[in-house]
Amino acid sequence: DAGLVIAPVKLEVEYKSKTLTAQVEPDGTITFDGRSYPSPSSAGAAAVQRQSCNGWAFWSYRDQNGQLKFLDALRQALEK
């Protein structure tokens, strides 16, 4: 809603020598492996097959310069 990124936004992470990808949808949900999740943390937990995960520190996105940044950087920008 703040206009920091325009959905859909591809998310990625290196986990156990694999690149996992997800996507932030226009409605704010996260799609991972064909399923929709209400938060980055629930999508991250599904990705690592655990009950919980700090999705904000797990997932990264590419900024306008193509550099990977943690999703949490967007959340911190909103708090300023």
PDB file of N, CA and C in Angstrom:
ATOM      1  N   ASP A   1       0.810  -1.207   0.000  1.00  0.00           N
ATOM      2  CA  ASP A   1       0.000   0.000   0.000  1.00  0.00           C
ATOM      3  C   ASP A   1       0.854   1.272   0.000  1.00  0.00           C
ATOM      4  N   ALA A   2       2.082   1.189   0.534  1.00  0.00           N
ATOM      5  CA  ALA A   2       2.940   2.368   0.636  1.00  0.00           C
ATOM      6  C   ALA A   2       3.643   2.693  -0.673  1.00  0.00           C
ATOM      7  N   GLY A   3       3.550   1.816  -1.658  1.00  0.00           N
ATOM      8  CA  GLY A   3       4.160   2.083  -2.953  1.00  0.00           C
ATOM      9  C   GLY A   3       5.647   1.823  -3.018  1.00  0.00           C
ATOM     10  N   LEU A   4       6.202   1.109  -2.034  1.00  0.00           N
ATOM     11  CA  LEU A   4       7.634   0.824  -2.058  1.00  0.00           C
ATOM     12  C   LEU A   4       7.991  -0.201  -3.125  1.00  0.00           C
ATOM     13  N   VAL A   5       7.084  -1.099  -3.408  1.00  0.00           N
ATOM     14  CA  VAL A   5       7.239  -2.067  -4.494  1.00  0.00           C
ATOM     15  C   VAL A   5       5.873  -2.245  -5.151  1.00  0.00           C
ATOM     16  N   ILE A   6       5.891  -2.736  -6.347  1.00  0.00           N
ATOM     17  CA  ILE A   6       4.641  -2.988  -7.061  1.00  0.00           C
ATOM     18  C   ILE A   6       4.507  -4.495  -7.244  1.00  0.00           C
ATOM     19  N   ALA A   7       3.454  -5.048  -6.675  1.00  0.00           N
ATOM     20  CA  ALA A   7       3.219  -6.488  -6.771  1.00  0.00           C
ATOM     21  C   ALA A   7       2.772  -6.848  -8.181  1.00  0.00           C
ATOM     22  N   PRO A   8       3.084  -8.021  -8.640  1.00  0.00           N
ATOM     23  CA  PRO A   8       3.712  -9.101  -7.901  1.00  0.00           C
ATOM     24  C   PRO A   8       5.222  -8.886  -7.751  1.00  0.00           C
ATOM     25  N   VAL A   9       5.744  -9.355  -6.629  1.00  0.00           N
ATOM     26  CA  VAL A   9       7.172  -9.243  -6.342  1.00  0.00           C
ATOM     27  C   VAL A   9       7.713 -10.642  -6.103  1.00  0.00           C
ATOM     28  N   LYS A  10       8.753 -11.004  -6.827  1.00  0.00           N
ATOM     29  CA  LYS A  10       9.377 -12.305  -6.657  1.00  0.00           C
ATOM     30  C   LYS A  10      10.258 -12.282  -5.408  1.00  0.00           C
ATOM     31  N   LEU A  11      10.120 -13.316  -4.593  1.00  0.00           N
ATOM     32  CA  LEU A  11      10.958 -13.508  -3.423  1.00  0.00           C
ATOM     33  C   LEU A  11      11.836 -14.720  -3.669  1.00  0.00           C
ATOM     34  N   GLU A  12      13.000 -14.727  -3.065  1.00  0.00           N
ATOM     35  CA  GLU A  12      13.870 -15.880  -3.223  1.00  0.00           C
ATOM     36  C   GLU A  12      14.728 -16.081  -1.989  1.00  0.00           C
ATOM     37  N   VAL A  13      15.226 -17.306  -1.853  1.00  0.00           N
ATOM     38  CA  VAL A  13      16.115 -17.653  -0.747  1.00  0.00           C
ATOM     39  C   VAL A  13      16.935 -18.873  -1.159  1.00  0.00           C
ATOM     40  N   GLU A  14      18.164 -18.920  -0.715  1.00  0.00           N
ATOM     41  CA  GLU A  14      18.995 -20.113  -0.864  1.00  0.00           C
ATOM     42  C   GLU A  14      18.796 -20.934   0.401  1.00  0.00           C
ATOM     43  N   TYR A  15      18.295 -22.148   0.251  1.00  0.00           N
ATOM     44  CA  TYR A  15      18.038 -23.003   1.400  1.00  0.00           C
ATOM     45  C   TYR A  15      18.460 -24.418   1.050  1.00  0.00           C
ATOM     46  N   LYS A  16      19.388 -24.948   1.836  1.00  0.00           N
ATOM     47  CA  LYS A  16      19.913 -26.298   1.608  1.00  0.00           C
ATOM     48  C   LYS A  16      20.358 -26.478   0.157  1.00  0.00           C
ATOM     49  N   SER A  17      21.145 -25.532  -0.312  1.00  0.00           N
ATOM     50  CA  SER A  17      21.729 -25.548  -1.657  1.00  0.00           C
ATOM     51  C   SER A  17      20.710 -25.475  -2.789  1.00  0.00           C
ATOM     52  N   LYS A  18      19.494 -25.041  -2.482  1.00  0.00           N
ATOM     53  CA  LYS A  18      18.473 -24.847  -3.507  1.00  0.00           C
ATOM     54  C   LYS A  18      17.981 -23.408  -3.458  1.00  0.00           C
ATOM     55  N   THR A  19      17.629 -22.879  -4.611  1.00  0.00           N
ATOM     56  CA  THR A  19      16.980 -21.582  -4.657  1.00  0.00           C
ATOM     57  C   THR A  19      15.478 -21.799  -4.628  1.00  0.00           C
ATOM     58  N   LEU A  20      14.842 -21.299  -3.579  1.00  0.00           N
ATOM     59  CA  LEU A  20      13.397 -21.374  -3.450  1.00  0.00           C
ATOM     60  C   LEU A  20      12.819 -20.018  -3.838  1.00  0.00           C
ATOM     61  N   THR A  21      11.693 -20.026  -4.503  1.00  0.00           N
ATOM     62  CA  THR A  21      11.063 -18.767  -4.895  1.00  0.00           C
ATOM     63  C   THR A  21       9.611 -18.728  -4.439  1.00  0.00           C
ATOM     64  N   ALA A  22       9.170 -17.524  -4.201  1.00  0.00           N
ATOM     65  CA  ALA A  22       7.780 -17.258  -3.830  1.00  0.00           C
ATOM     66  C   ALA A  22       7.418 -15.935  -4.485  1.00  0.00           C
ATOM     67  N   GLN A  23       6.176 -15.515  -4.302  1.00  0.00           N
ATOM     68  CA  GLN A  23       5.746 -14.262  -4.909  1.00  0.00           C
ATOM     69  C   GLN A  23       4.753 -13.547  -4.010  1.00  0.00           C
ATOM     70  N   VAL A  24       4.986 -12.242  -3.832  1.00  0.00           N
ATOM     71  CA  VAL A  24       4.019 -11.407  -3.134  1.00  0.00           C
ATOM     72  C   VAL A  24       2.970 -11.008  -4.163  1.00  0.00           C
ATOM     73  N   GLU A  25       1.730 -11.334  -3.878  1.00  0.00           N
ATOM     74  CA  GLU A  25       0.632 -11.045  -4.785  1.00  0.00           C
ATOM     75  C   GLU A  25       0.063  -9.647  -4.525  1.00  0.00           C
ATOM     76  N   PRO A  26      -0.684  -9.098  -5.464  1.00  0.00           N
ATOM     77  CA  PRO A  26      -1.261  -7.759  -5.274  1.00  0.00           C
ATOM     78  C   PRO A  26      -2.113  -7.617  -4.007  1.00  0.00           C
ATOM     79  N   ASP A  27      -2.712  -8.721  -3.546  1.00  0.00           N
ATOM     80  CA  ASP A  27      -3.526  -8.635  -2.326  1.00  0.00           C
ATOM     81  C   ASP A  27      -2.701  -8.801  -1.051  1.00  0.00           C
ATOM     82  N   GLY A  28      -1.375  -8.952  -1.193  1.00  0.00           N
ATOM     83  CA  GLY A  28      -0.486  -9.059  -0.035  1.00  0.00           C
ATOM     84  C   GLY A  28      -0.192 -10.477   0.400  1.00  0.00           C
ATOM     85  N   THR A  29      -0.880 -11.458  -0.158  1.00  0.00           N
ATOM     86  CA  THR A  29      -0.576 -12.838   0.192  1.00  0.00           C
ATOM     87  C   THR A  29       0.722 -13.259  -0.486  1.00  0.00           C
ATOM     88  N   ILE A  30       1.287 -14.348   0.012  1.00  0.00           N
ATOM     89  CA  ILE A  30       2.516 -14.893  -0.549  1.00  0.00           C
ATOM     90  C   ILE A  30       2.183 -16.238  -1.165  1.00  0.00           C
ATOM     91  N   THR A  31       2.554 -16.436  -2.418  1.00  0.00           N
ATOM     92  CA  THR A  31       2.363 -17.718  -3.082  1.00  0.00           C
ATOM     93  C   THR A  31       3.692 -18.455  -3.086  1.00  0.00           C
ATOM     94  N   PHE A  32       3.670 -19.659  -2.539  1.00  0.00           N
ATOM     95  CA  PHE A  32       4.849 -20.529  -2.549  1.00  0.00           C
ATOM     96  C   PHE A  32       4.400 -21.934  -2.889  1.00  0.00           C
ATOM     97  N   ASP A  33       5.051 -22.540  -3.850  1.00  0.00           N
ATOM     98  CA  ASP A  33       4.796 -23.923  -4.237  1.00  0.00           C
ATOM     99  C   ASP A  33       3.317 -24.169  -4.535  1.00  0.00           C
ATOM    100  N   GLY A  34       2.688 -23.189  -5.192  1.00  0.00           N
ATOM    101  CA  GLY A  34       1.306 -23.335  -5.615  1.00  0.00           C
ATOM    102  C   GLY A  34       0.260 -23.072  -4.545  1.00  0.00           C
ATOM    103  N   ARG A  35       0.690 -22.687  -3.354  1.00  0.00           N
ATOM    104  CA  ARG A  35      -0.244 -22.398  -2.270  1.00  0.00           C
ATOM    105  C   ARG A  35      -0.117 -20.948  -1.836  1.00  0.00           C
ATOM    106  N   SER A  36      -1.195 -20.426  -1.314  1.00  0.00           N
ATOM    107  CA  SER A  36      -1.244 -19.040  -0.865  1.00  0.00           C
ATOM    108  C   SER A  36      -1.117 -18.984   0.656  1.00  0.00           C
ATOM    109  N   TYR A  37      -0.305 -18.045   1.148  1.00  0.00           N
ATOM    110  CA  TYR A  37      -0.069 -17.876   2.582  1.00  0.00           C
ATOM    111  C   TYR A  37      -0.343 -16.429   2.968  1.00  0.00           C
ATOM    112  N   PRO A  38      -0.830 -16.209   4.187  1.00  0.00           N
ATOM    113  CA  PRO A  38      -1.185 -14.855   4.598  1.00  0.00           C
ATOM    114  C   PRO A  38       0.001 -13.973   4.998  1.00  0.00           C
ATOM    115  N   SER A  39       1.186 -14.566   5.149  1.00  0.00           N
ATOM    116  CA  SER A  39       2.334 -13.774   5.604  1.00  0.00           C
ATOM    117  C   SER A  39       3.638 -14.370   5.097  1.00  0.00           C
ATOM    118  N   PRO A  40       4.708 -13.556   5.103  1.00  0.00           N
ATOM    119  CA  PRO A  40       6.022 -14.091   4.734  1.00  0.00           C
ATOM    120  C   PRO A  40       6.457 -15.213   5.677  1.00  0.00           C
ATOM    121  N   SER A  41       6.100 -15.092   6.947  1.00  0.00           N
ATOM    122  CA  SER A  41       6.510 -16.103   7.924  1.00  0.00           C
ATOM    123  C   SER A  41       5.817 -17.441   7.697  1.00  0.00           C
ATOM    124  N   SER A  42       4.540 -17.420   7.387  1.00  0.00           N
ATOM    125  CA  SER A  42       3.854 -18.690   7.135  1.00  0.00           C
ATOM    126  C   SER A  42       4.356 -19.335   5.844  1.00  0.00           C
ATOM    127  N   ALA A  43       4.674 -18.538   4.842  1.00  0.00           N
ATOM    128  CA  ALA A  43       5.254 -19.079   3.602  1.00  0.00           C
ATOM    129  C   ALA A  43       6.656 -19.625   3.867  1.00  0.00           C
ATOM    130  N   GLY A  44       7.420 -18.919   4.686  1.00  0.00           N
ATOM    131  CA  GLY A  44       8.759 -19.394   5.041  1.00  0.00           C
ATOM    132  C   GLY A  44       8.709 -20.694   5.819  1.00  0.00           C
ATOM    133  N   ALA A  45       7.773 -20.806   6.754  1.00  0.00           N
ATOM    134  CA  ALA A  45       7.617 -22.038   7.530  1.00  0.00           C
ATOM    135  C   ALA A  45       7.285 -23.209   6.605  1.00  0.00           C
ATOM    136  N   ALA A  46       6.434 -22.963   5.625  1.00  0.00           N
ATOM    137  CA  ALA A  46       6.108 -24.015   4.657  1.00  0.00           C
ATOM    138  C   ALA A  46       7.344 -24.393   3.847  1.00  0.00           C
ATOM    139  N   ALA A  47       8.146 -23.413   3.486  1.00  0.00           N
ATOM    140  CA  ALA A  47       9.335 -23.665   2.676  1.00  0.00           C
ATOM    141  C   ALA A  47      10.358 -24.522   3.409  1.00  0.00           C
ATOM    142  N   VAL A  48      10.504 -24.303   4.715  1.00  0.00           N
ATOM    143  CA  VAL A  48      11.492 -25.060   5.494  1.00  0.00           C
ATOM    144  C   VAL A  48      10.867 -26.234   6.236  1.00  0.00           C
ATOM    145  N   GLN A  49       9.562 -26.414   6.046  1.00  0.00           N
ATOM    146  CA  GLN A  49       8.815 -27.504   6.658  1.00  0.00           C
ATOM    147  C   GLN A  49       8.979 -27.526   8.180  1.00  0.00           C
ATOM    148  N   ARG A  50       8.735 -26.337   8.756  1.00  0.00           N
ATOM    149  CA  ARG A  50       8.767 -26.183  10.207  1.00  0.00           C
ATOM    150  C   ARG A  50       7.510 -25.455  10.638  1.00  0.00           C
ATOM    151  N   GLN A  51       7.282 -25.413  11.937  1.00  0.00           N
ATOM    152  CA  GLN A  51       6.092 -24.745  12.444  1.00  0.00           C
ATOM    153  C   GLN A  51       6.202 -23.232  12.382  1.00  0.00           C
ATOM    154  N   SER A  52       7.434 -22.720  12.455  1.00  0.00           N
ATOM    155  CA  SER A  52       7.580 -21.272  12.427  1.00  0.00           C
ATOM    156  C   SER A  52       8.855 -20.875  11.685  1.00  0.00           C
ATOM    157  N   CYS A  53       8.857 -19.630  11.255  1.00  0.00           N
ATOM    158  CA  CYS A  53       9.995 -19.076  10.521  1.00  0.00           C
ATOM    159  C   CYS A  53       9.818 -17.566  10.516  1.00  0.00           C
ATOM    160  N   ASN A  54      10.892 -16.827  10.712  1.00  0.00           N
ATOM    161  CA  ASN A  54      10.828 -15.375  10.566  1.00  0.00           C
ATOM    162  C   ASN A  54      10.948 -15.063   9.078  1.00  0.00           C
ATOM    163  N   GLY A  55       9.813 -15.015   8.420  1.00  0.00           N
ATOM    164  CA  GLY A  55       9.796 -14.811   6.981  1.00  0.00           C
ATOM    165  C   GLY A  55      10.391 -13.497   6.527  1.00  0.00           C
ATOM    166  N   TRP A  56      10.332 -12.483   7.382  1.00  0.00           N
ATOM    167  CA  TRP A  56      10.895 -11.173   7.040  1.00  0.00           C
ATOM    168  C   TRP A  56      12.411 -11.245   6.895  1.00  0.00           C
ATOM    169  N   ALA A  57      13.051 -12.131   7.669  1.00  0.00           N
ATOM    170  CA  ALA A  57      14.504 -12.306   7.597  1.00  0.00           C
ATOM    171  C   ALA A  57      14.886 -13.498   6.708  1.00  0.00           C
ATOM    172  N   PHE A  58      13.910 -14.294   6.313  1.00  0.00           N
ATOM    173  CA  PHE A  58      14.153 -15.476   5.484  1.00  0.00           C
ATOM    174  C   PHE A  58      14.144 -15.118   4.000  1.00  0.00           C
ATOM    175  N   TRP A  59      13.095 -14.455   3.556  1.00  0.00           N
ATOM    176  CA  TRP A  59      12.924 -14.142   2.132  1.00  0.00           C
ATOM    177  C   TRP A  59      13.671 -12.868   1.745  1.00  0.00           C
ATOM    178  N   SER A  60      14.153 -12.845   0.518  1.00  0.00           N
ATOM    179  CA  SER A  60      14.773 -11.658  -0.063  1.00  0.00           C
ATOM    180  C   SER A  60      14.070 -11.302  -1.364  1.00  0.00           C
ATOM    181  N   TYR A  61      14.222 -10.061  -1.762  1.00  0.00           N
ATOM    182  CA  TYR A  61      13.688  -9.590  -3.036  1.00  0.00           C
ATOM    183  C   TYR A  61      14.802  -8.826  -3.731  1.00  0.00           C
ATOM    184  N   ARG A  62      14.658  -8.584  -5.009  1.00  0.00           N
ATOM    185  CA  ARG A  62      15.653  -7.799  -5.752  1.00  0.00           C
ATOM    186  C   ARG A  62      15.142  -6.370  -5.878  1.00  0.00           C
ATOM    187  N   ASP A  63      15.995  -5.430  -5.471  1.00  0.00           N
ATOM    188  CA  ASP A  63      15.614  -4.027  -5.577  1.00  0.00           C
ATOM    189  C   ASP A  63      15.738  -3.565  -7.030  1.00  0.00           C
ATOM    190  N   GLN A  64      15.481  -2.284  -7.271  1.00  0.00           N
ATOM    191  CA  GLN A  64      15.503  -1.769  -8.648  1.00  0.00           C
ATOM    192  C   GLN A  64      16.872  -1.876  -9.304  1.00  0.00           C
ATOM    193  N   ASN A  65      17.925  -2.095  -8.507  1.00  0.00           N
ATOM    194  CA  ASN A  65      19.270  -2.282  -9.047  1.00  0.00           C
ATOM    195  C   ASN A  65      19.642  -3.757  -9.199  1.00  0.00           C
ATOM    196  N   GLY A  66      18.690  -4.637  -8.873  1.00  0.00           N
ATOM    197  CA  GLY A  66      18.938  -6.068  -9.004  1.00  0.00           C
ATOM    198  C   GLY A  66      19.639  -6.695  -7.815  1.00  0.00           C
ATOM    199  N   GLN A  67      19.827  -5.928  -6.747  1.00  0.00           N
ATOM    200  CA  GLN A  67      20.505  -6.455  -5.565  1.00  0.00           C
ATOM    201  C   GLN A  67      19.499  -7.138  -4.644  1.00  0.00           C
ATOM    202  N   LEU A  68      19.903  -8.287  -4.105  1.00  0.00           N
ATOM    203  CA  LEU A  68      19.048  -8.988  -3.158  1.00  0.00           C
ATOM    204  C   LEU A  68      19.041  -8.260  -1.820  1.00  0.00           C
ATOM    205  N   LYS A  69      17.860  -8.064  -1.289  1.00  0.00           N
ATOM    206  CA  LYS A  69      17.695  -7.431   0.018  1.00  0.00           C
ATOM    207  C   LYS A  69      16.649  -8.216   0.788  1.00  0.00           C
ATOM    208  N   PHE A  70      16.870  -8.305   2.093  1.00  0.00           N
ATOM    209  CA  PHE A  70      15.886  -8.993   2.920  1.00  0.00           C
ATOM    210  C   PHE A  70      14.555  -8.257   2.877  1.00  0.00           C
ATOM    211  N   LEU A  71      13.495  -9.013   2.901  1.00  0.00           N
ATOM    212  CA  LEU A  71      12.156  -8.439   2.900  1.00  0.00           C
ATOM    213  C   LEU A  71      11.965  -7.492   4.085  1.00  0.00           C
ATOM    214  N   ASP A  72      12.664  -7.752   5.165  1.00  0.00           N
ATOM    215  CA  ASP A  72      12.567  -6.906   6.341  1.00  0.00           C
ATOM    216  C   ASP A  72      12.984  -5.459   6.053  1.00  0.00           C
ATOM    217  N   ALA A  73      13.836  -5.252   5.054  1.00  0.00           N
ATOM    218  CA  ALA A  73      14.247  -3.884   4.695  1.00  0.00           C
ATOM    219  C   ALA A  73      13.047  -3.064   4.272  1.00  0.00           C
ATOM    220  N   LEU A  74      12.068  -3.675   3.608  1.00  0.00           N
ATOM    221  CA  LEU A  74      10.854  -2.965   3.222  1.00  0.00           C
ATOM    222  C   LEU A  74      10.026  -2.601   4.458  1.00  0.00           C
ATOM    223  N   ARG A  75       9.922  -3.543   5.379  1.00  0.00           N
ATOM    224  CA  ARG A  75       9.158  -3.290   6.591  1.00  0.00           C
ATOM    225  C   ARG A  75       9.793  -2.157   7.393  1.00  0.00           C
ATOM    226  N   GLN A  76      11.104  -2.152   7.473  1.00  0.00           N
ATOM    227  CA  GLN A  76      11.796  -1.087   8.204  1.00  0.00           C
ATOM    228  C   GLN A  76      11.599   0.258   7.525  1.00  0.00           C
ATOM    229  N   ALA A  77      11.567   0.284   6.196  1.00  0.00           N
ATOM    230  CA  ALA A  77      11.337   1.544   5.463  1.00  0.00           C
ATOM    231  C   ALA A  77       9.945   2.091   5.778  1.00  0.00           C
ATOM    232  N   LEU A  78       8.989   1.202   5.968  1.00  0.00           N
ATOM    233  CA  LEU A  78       7.630   1.651   6.310  1.00  0.00           C
ATOM    234  C   LEU A  78       7.559   2.253   7.699  1.00  0.00           C
ATOM    235  N   GLU A  79       8.417   1.798   8.597  1.00  0.00           N
ATOM    236  CA  GLU A  79       8.385   2.271   9.976  1.00  0.00           C
ATOM    237  C   GLU A  79       9.012   3.644  10.136  1.00  0.00           C
ATOM    238  N   LYS A  80       9.732   4.109   9.133  1.00  0.00           N
ATOM    239  CA  LYS A  80      10.396   5.421   9.217  1.00  0.00           C
ATOM    240  C   LYS A  80       9.434   6.555   8.975  1.00  0.00           C
TER     241      LYS A  80
END
